[in-house]
C-alpha atoms as a PDB file:
ATOM      1  CA  MET A   1       8.123 165.572 122.638  1.00  0.00           C
ATOM      2  CA  PRO A   2       4.735 167.258 122.763  1.00  0.00           C
ATOM      3  CA  GLY A   3       2.765 168.005 119.643  1.00  0.00           C
ATOM      4  CA  LEU A   4       2.450 171.421 118.102  1.00  0.00           C
ATOM      5  CA  TYR A   5      -0.346 173.879 118.708  1.00  0.00           C
ATOM      6  CA  TYR A   6      -2.456 175.481 115.994  1.00  0.00           C
ATOM      7  CA  GLU A   7      -0.285 178.639 115.953  1.00  0.00           C
ATOM      8  CA  GLU A   8       2.882 176.572 115.426  1.00  0.00           C
ATOM      9  CA  LEU A   9       1.557 174.685 112.398  1.00  0.00           C
ATOM     10  CA  GLU A  10       2.314 177.113 109.579  1.00  0.00           C
ATOM     11  CA  ILE A  11       1.196 176.396 106.019  1.00  0.00           C
ATOM     12  CA  GLY A  12       4.075 174.789 104.130  1.00  0.00           C
ATOM     13  CA  ARG A  13       5.740 173.371 107.234  1.00  0.00           C
ATOM     14  CA  HIS A  14       7.144 169.981 106.269  1.00  0.00           C
ATOM     15  CA  PHE A  15       8.036 167.038 108.472  1.00  0.00           C
ATOM     16  CA  ALA A  16      10.200 164.126 107.332  1.00  0.00           C
ATOM     17  CA  HIS A  17       9.413 161.689 110.125  1.00  0.00           C
ATOM     18  CA  ASP A  18      12.392 159.870 111.642  1.00  0.00           C
ATOM     19  CA  VAL A  19      10.452 156.718 112.477  1.00  0.00           C
ATOM     20  CA  THR A  20      10.612 154.096 109.733  1.00  0.00           C
ATOM     21  CA  ARG A  21       9.140 150.624 109.873  1.00  0.00           C
ATOM     22  CA  THR A  22       9.742 147.351 108.107  1.00  0.00           C
ATOM     23  CA  VAL A  23       6.361 145.678 107.751  1.00  0.00           C
ATOM     24  CA  THR A  24       6.389 142.089 108.973  1.00  0.00           C
ATOM     25  CA  GLU A  25       4.130 139.157 108.215  1.00  0.00           C
ATOM     26  CA  THR A  26       2.984 139.299 111.842  1.00  0.00           C
ATOM     27  CA  ASP A  27       1.973 142.982 111.507  1.00  0.00           C
ATOM     28  CA  ASN A  28      -0.167 142.190 108.495  1.00  0.00           C
ATOM     29  CA  LEU A  29      -1.635 138.956 109.869  1.00  0.00           C
ATOM     30  CA  LEU A  30      -2.604 140.457 113.234  1.00  0.00           C
ATOM     31  CA  PHE A  31      -4.049 143.657 111.782  1.00  0.00           C
ATOM     32  CA  THR A  32      -5.992 141.808 109.102  1.00  0.00           C
ATOM     33  CA  THR A  33      -7.469 139.250 111.490  1.00  0.00           C
ATOM     34  CA  LEU A  34      -8.185 141.813 114.243  1.00  0.00           C
ATOM     35  CA  THR A  35     -10.257 143.812 111.761  1.00  0.00           C
ATOM     36  CA  HIS A  36     -12.006 140.655 110.438  1.00  0.00           C
ATOM     37  CA  ASN A  37     -10.796 141.274 106.910  1.00  0.00           C
ATOM     38  CA  THR A  38     -11.002 137.880 105.213  1.00  0.00           C
ATOM     39  CA  GLN A  39      -9.505 139.041 101.901  1.00  0.00           C
ATOM     40  CA  PRO A  40      -7.174 136.200 100.789  1.00  0.00           C
ATOM     41  CA  LEU A  41      -4.799 138.731  99.203  1.00  0.00           C
ATOM     42  CA  HIS A  42      -3.736 139.538 102.786  1.00  0.00           C
ATOM     43  CA  LEU A  43      -3.797 136.035 104.266  1.00  0.00           C
ATOM     44  CA  ASP A  44      -3.293 133.234 101.740  1.00  0.00           C
ATOM     45  CA  ILE A  45       0.025 132.936  99.892  1.00  0.00           C
ATOM     46  CA  GLU A  46      -1.236 130.094  97.670  1.00  0.00           C
ATOM     47  CA  PHE A  47      -4.254 132.144  96.598  1.00  0.00           C
ATOM     48  CA  CYS A  48      -1.918 135.045  95.793  1.00  0.00           C
ATOM     49  CA  LYS A  49       0.400 132.846  93.735  1.00  0.00           C
ATOM     50  CA  GLN A  50      -2.498 131.488  91.682  1.00  0.00           C
ATOM     51  CA  HIS A  51      -4.890 134.437  91.437  1.00  0.00           C
ATOM     52  CA  SER A  52      -2.942 137.655  91.919  1.00  0.00           C
ATOM     53  CA  GLU A  53      -0.714 139.600  89.597  1.00  0.00           C
ATOM     54  CA  PHE A  54       1.489 140.440  92.605  1.00  0.00           C
ATOM     55  CA  GLY A  55       2.610 136.856  93.276  1.00  0.00           C
ATOM     56  CA  GLY A  56       2.626 137.270  97.041  1.00  0.00           C
ATOM     57  CA  ILE A  57       0.720 138.562 100.006  1.00  0.00           C
ATOM     58  CA  LEU A  58      -0.191 142.248  99.952  1.00  0.00           C
ATOM     59  CA  VAL A  59      -0.099 144.237 103.163  1.00  0.00           C
ATOM     60  CA  ASN A  60      -3.530 145.421 104.261  1.00  0.00           C
ATOM     61  CA  SER A  61      -3.863 149.008 103.005  1.00  0.00           C
ATOM     62  CA  VAL A  62      -5.629 150.092 106.183  1.00  0.00           C
ATOM     63  CA  PHE A  63      -2.522 149.025 108.143  1.00  0.00           C
ATOM     64  CA  THR A  64      -0.386 151.090 105.759  1.00  0.00           C
ATOM     65  CA  PHE A  65      -2.744 154.040 106.267  1.00  0.00           C
ATOM     66  CA  GLY A  66      -2.623 153.715 110.051  1.00  0.00           C
ATOM     67  CA  LEU A  67       1.158 153.454 110.091  1.00  0.00           C
ATOM     68  CA  MET A  68       1.493 156.529 107.865  1.00  0.00           C
ATOM     69  CA  LEU A  69      -0.643 158.581 110.244  1.00  0.00           C
ATOM     70  CA  GLY A  70       0.730 157.029 113.404  1.00  0.00           C
ATOM     71  CA  VAL A  71       4.372 157.894 112.782  1.00  0.00           C
ATOM     72  CA  SER A  72       3.370 161.531 112.265  1.00  0.00           C
ATOM     73  CA  VAL A  73       1.837 161.970 115.726  1.00  0.00           C
ATOM     74  CA  THR A  74       4.998 162.582 117.762  1.00  0.00           C
ATOM     75  CA  ASP A  75       6.224 165.315 115.427  1.00  0.00           C
ATOM     76  CA  THR A  76       2.898 167.034 114.877  1.00  0.00           C
ATOM     77  CA  THR A  77      -0.119 166.396 117.095  1.00  0.00           C
ATOM     78  CA  LEU A  78       0.842 164.493 120.272  1.00  0.00           C
ATOM     79  CA  GLY A  79      -1.427 165.884 122.972  1.00  0.00           C
ATOM     80  CA  THR A  80      -2.545 168.885 120.921  1.00  0.00           C
ATOM     81  CA  THR A  81      -5.281 167.327 118.781  1.00  0.00           C
ATOM     82  CA  VAL A  82      -8.871 167.806 119.867  1.00  0.00           C
ATOM     83  CA  ALA A  83     -10.179 165.432 117.191  1.00  0.00           C
ATOM     84  CA  ASN A  84      -9.690 164.233 113.656  1.00  0.00           C
ATOM     85  CA  LEU A  85     -12.437 165.707 111.491  1.00  0.00           C
ATOM     86  CA  GLY A  86     -11.954 163.696 108.323  1.00  0.00           C
ATOM     87  CA  MET A  87      -9.685 162.057 105.799  1.00  0.00           C
ATOM     88  CA  ASP A  88      -9.831 162.997 102.137  1.00  0.00           C
ATOM     89  CA  ASP A  89      -8.047 162.024  98.941  1.00  0.00           C
ATOM     90  CA  VAL A  90      -6.959 158.655 100.374  1.00  0.00           C
ATOM     91  CA  LYS A  91      -4.926 156.775  97.772  1.00  0.00           C
ATOM     92  CA  PHE A  92      -2.699 153.708  97.618  1.00  0.00           C
ATOM     93  CA  PRO A  93      -0.847 154.114  94.303  1.00  0.00           C
ATOM     94  CA  ALA A  94       1.476 151.124  94.811  1.00  0.00           C
ATOM     95  CA  PRO A  95       1.242 147.912  96.811  1.00  0.00           C
ATOM     96  CA  VAL A  96       3.090 147.238 100.059  1.00  0.00           C
ATOM     97  CA  HIS A  97       4.684 143.814 100.453  1.00  0.00           C
ATOM     98  CA  ILE A  98       5.853 141.949 103.523  1.00  0.00           C
ATOM     99  CA  GLY A  99       9.419 143.161 104.177  1.00  0.00           C
ATOM    100  CA  ASP A 100       8.949 146.655 102.736  1.00  0.00           C
ATOM    101  CA  THR A 101      10.339 149.455 104.875  1.00  0.00           C
ATOM    102  CA  LEU A 102       8.110 152.519 104.977  1.00  0.00           C
ATOM    103  CA  ARG A 103       8.914 156.136 105.734  1.00  0.00           C
ATOM    104  CA  SER A 104       6.453 158.990 105.933  1.00  0.00           C
ATOM    105  CA  GLU A 105       6.267 162.743 105.450  1.00  0.00           C
ATOM    106  CA  THR A 106       3.707 165.332 106.475  1.00  0.00           C
ATOM    107  CA  THR A 107       3.077 168.850 105.182  1.00  0.00           C
ATOM    108  CA  VAL A 108       0.675 171.452 106.571  1.00  0.00           C
ATOM    109  CA  ILE A 109      -1.354 172.541 103.535  1.00  0.00           C
ATOM    110  CA  GLU A 110      -4.256 174.561 104.988  1.00  0.00           C
ATOM    111  CA  LYS A 111      -5.418 176.086 108.235  1.00  0.00           C
ATOM    112  CA  ARG A 112      -8.266 178.229 109.450  1.00  0.00           C
ATOM    113  CA  ASP A 113      -9.794 179.417 112.683  1.00  0.00           C
ATOM    114  CA  SER A 114     -12.632 177.364 114.097  1.00  0.00           C
ATOM    115  CA  LYS A 115     -15.932 179.265 113.888  1.00  0.00           C
ATOM    116  CA  SER A 116     -17.431 177.432 116.852  1.00  0.00           C
ATOM    117  CA  ARG A 117     -14.389 176.920 119.095  1.00  0.00           C
ATOM    118  CA  PRO A 118     -12.249 179.956 119.915  1.00  0.00           C
ATOM    119  CA  ASP A 119      -9.739 177.690 121.680  1.00  0.00           C
ATOM    120  CA  ALA A 120      -9.000 175.686 118.510  1.00  0.00           C
ATOM    121  CA  GLY A 121      -8.316 175.845 114.802  1.00  0.00           C
ATOM    122  CA  ILE A 122      -8.592 173.470 111.862  1.00  0.00           C
ATOM    123  CA  VAL A 123      -5.421 172.232 110.188  1.00  0.00           C
ATOM    124  CA  VAL A 124      -5.224 170.138 107.023  1.00  0.00           C
ATOM    125  CA  PHE A 125      -2.210 167.841 106.856  1.00  0.00           C
ATOM    126  CA  GLU A 126      -1.029 166.052 103.731  1.00  0.00           C
ATOM    127  CA  HIS A 127       0.506 162.693 104.620  1.00  0.00           C
ATOM    128  CA  LYS A 128       2.609 160.573 102.275  1.00  0.00           C
ATOM    129  CA  SER A 129       4.306 157.227 102.777  1.00  0.00           C
ATOM    130  CA  PHE A 130       7.079 155.750 100.635  1.00  0.00           C
ATOM    131  CA  ASN A 131       8.709 152.338 100.464  1.00  0.00           C
ATOM    132  CA  GLN A 132      12.454 151.676 100.560  1.00  0.00           C
ATOM    133  CA  LYS A 133      12.695 152.355  96.807  1.00  0.00           C
ATOM    134  CA  GLY A 134      11.153 155.819  97.207  1.00  0.00           C
ATOM    135  CA  ILE A 135       7.865 154.742  95.601  1.00  0.00           C
ATOM    136  CA  LEU A 136       4.761 156.473  96.932  1.00  0.00           C
ATOM    137  CA  VAL A 137       2.549 153.790  98.524  1.00  0.00           C
ATOM    138  CA  ALA A 138      -0.003 155.888 100.446  1.00  0.00           C
ATOM    139  CA  HIS A 139      -1.377 159.426 100.515  1.00  0.00           C
ATOM    140  CA  CYS A 140      -4.137 161.329 102.284  1.00  0.00           C
ATOM    141  CA  LYS A 141      -5.269 164.727 103.453  1.00  0.00           C
ATOM    142  CA  ARG A 142      -6.329 164.808 107.102  1.00  0.00           C
ATOM    143  CA  SER A 143      -8.345 167.588 108.718  1.00  0.00           C
ATOM    144  CA  ALA A 144      -7.792 167.949 112.450  1.00  0.00           C
ATOM    145  CA  LEU A 145      -9.184 170.241 115.107  1.00  0.00           C
ATOM    146  CA  MET A 146      -6.074 171.480 116.909  1.00  0.00           C
ATOM    147  CA  LYS A 147      -5.733 173.166 120.282  1.00  0.00           C
ATOM    148  CA  ARG A 148      -4.493 176.749 120.469  1.00  0.00           C
ATOM    149  CA  LYS A 149      -1.621 177.568 122.809  1.00  0.00           C
ATOM    150  CA  PRO A 150      -2.852 178.062 126.356  1.00  0.00           C
ATOM    151  CA  THR A 151      -2.806 181.692 127.488  1.00  0.00           C
END
């Protein structure tokens, strides 16, 4: 399914993404080591048991962020994004644990014509991710330069 063009992304349009994902230990381990993040909260269960209030490994928040954005692509921007312009208001209000199943939602909250590119417009998406208990675990606002429909 192709992504949506600037004209199709109306303010208030909401997407409840069908793709959900149970986060595995392998997901967290690979992502954390690939990004050279040596934080023991993501890698060392014994450290977590002794020094963390959470009692277990926490999933790398950057993985959670990437998953939240990634599952939105098919419904919203697949092949129609020129570029991401920025991420704002990034928050992780609750931890993600190995075995949590995440679902995400996206809402179009702003849009405006591009002043420099007549073939594109700027759209601001609000992304949210929730665990299996419905607890918000990630949030951000993403500004993207989106293609206009070809004429």
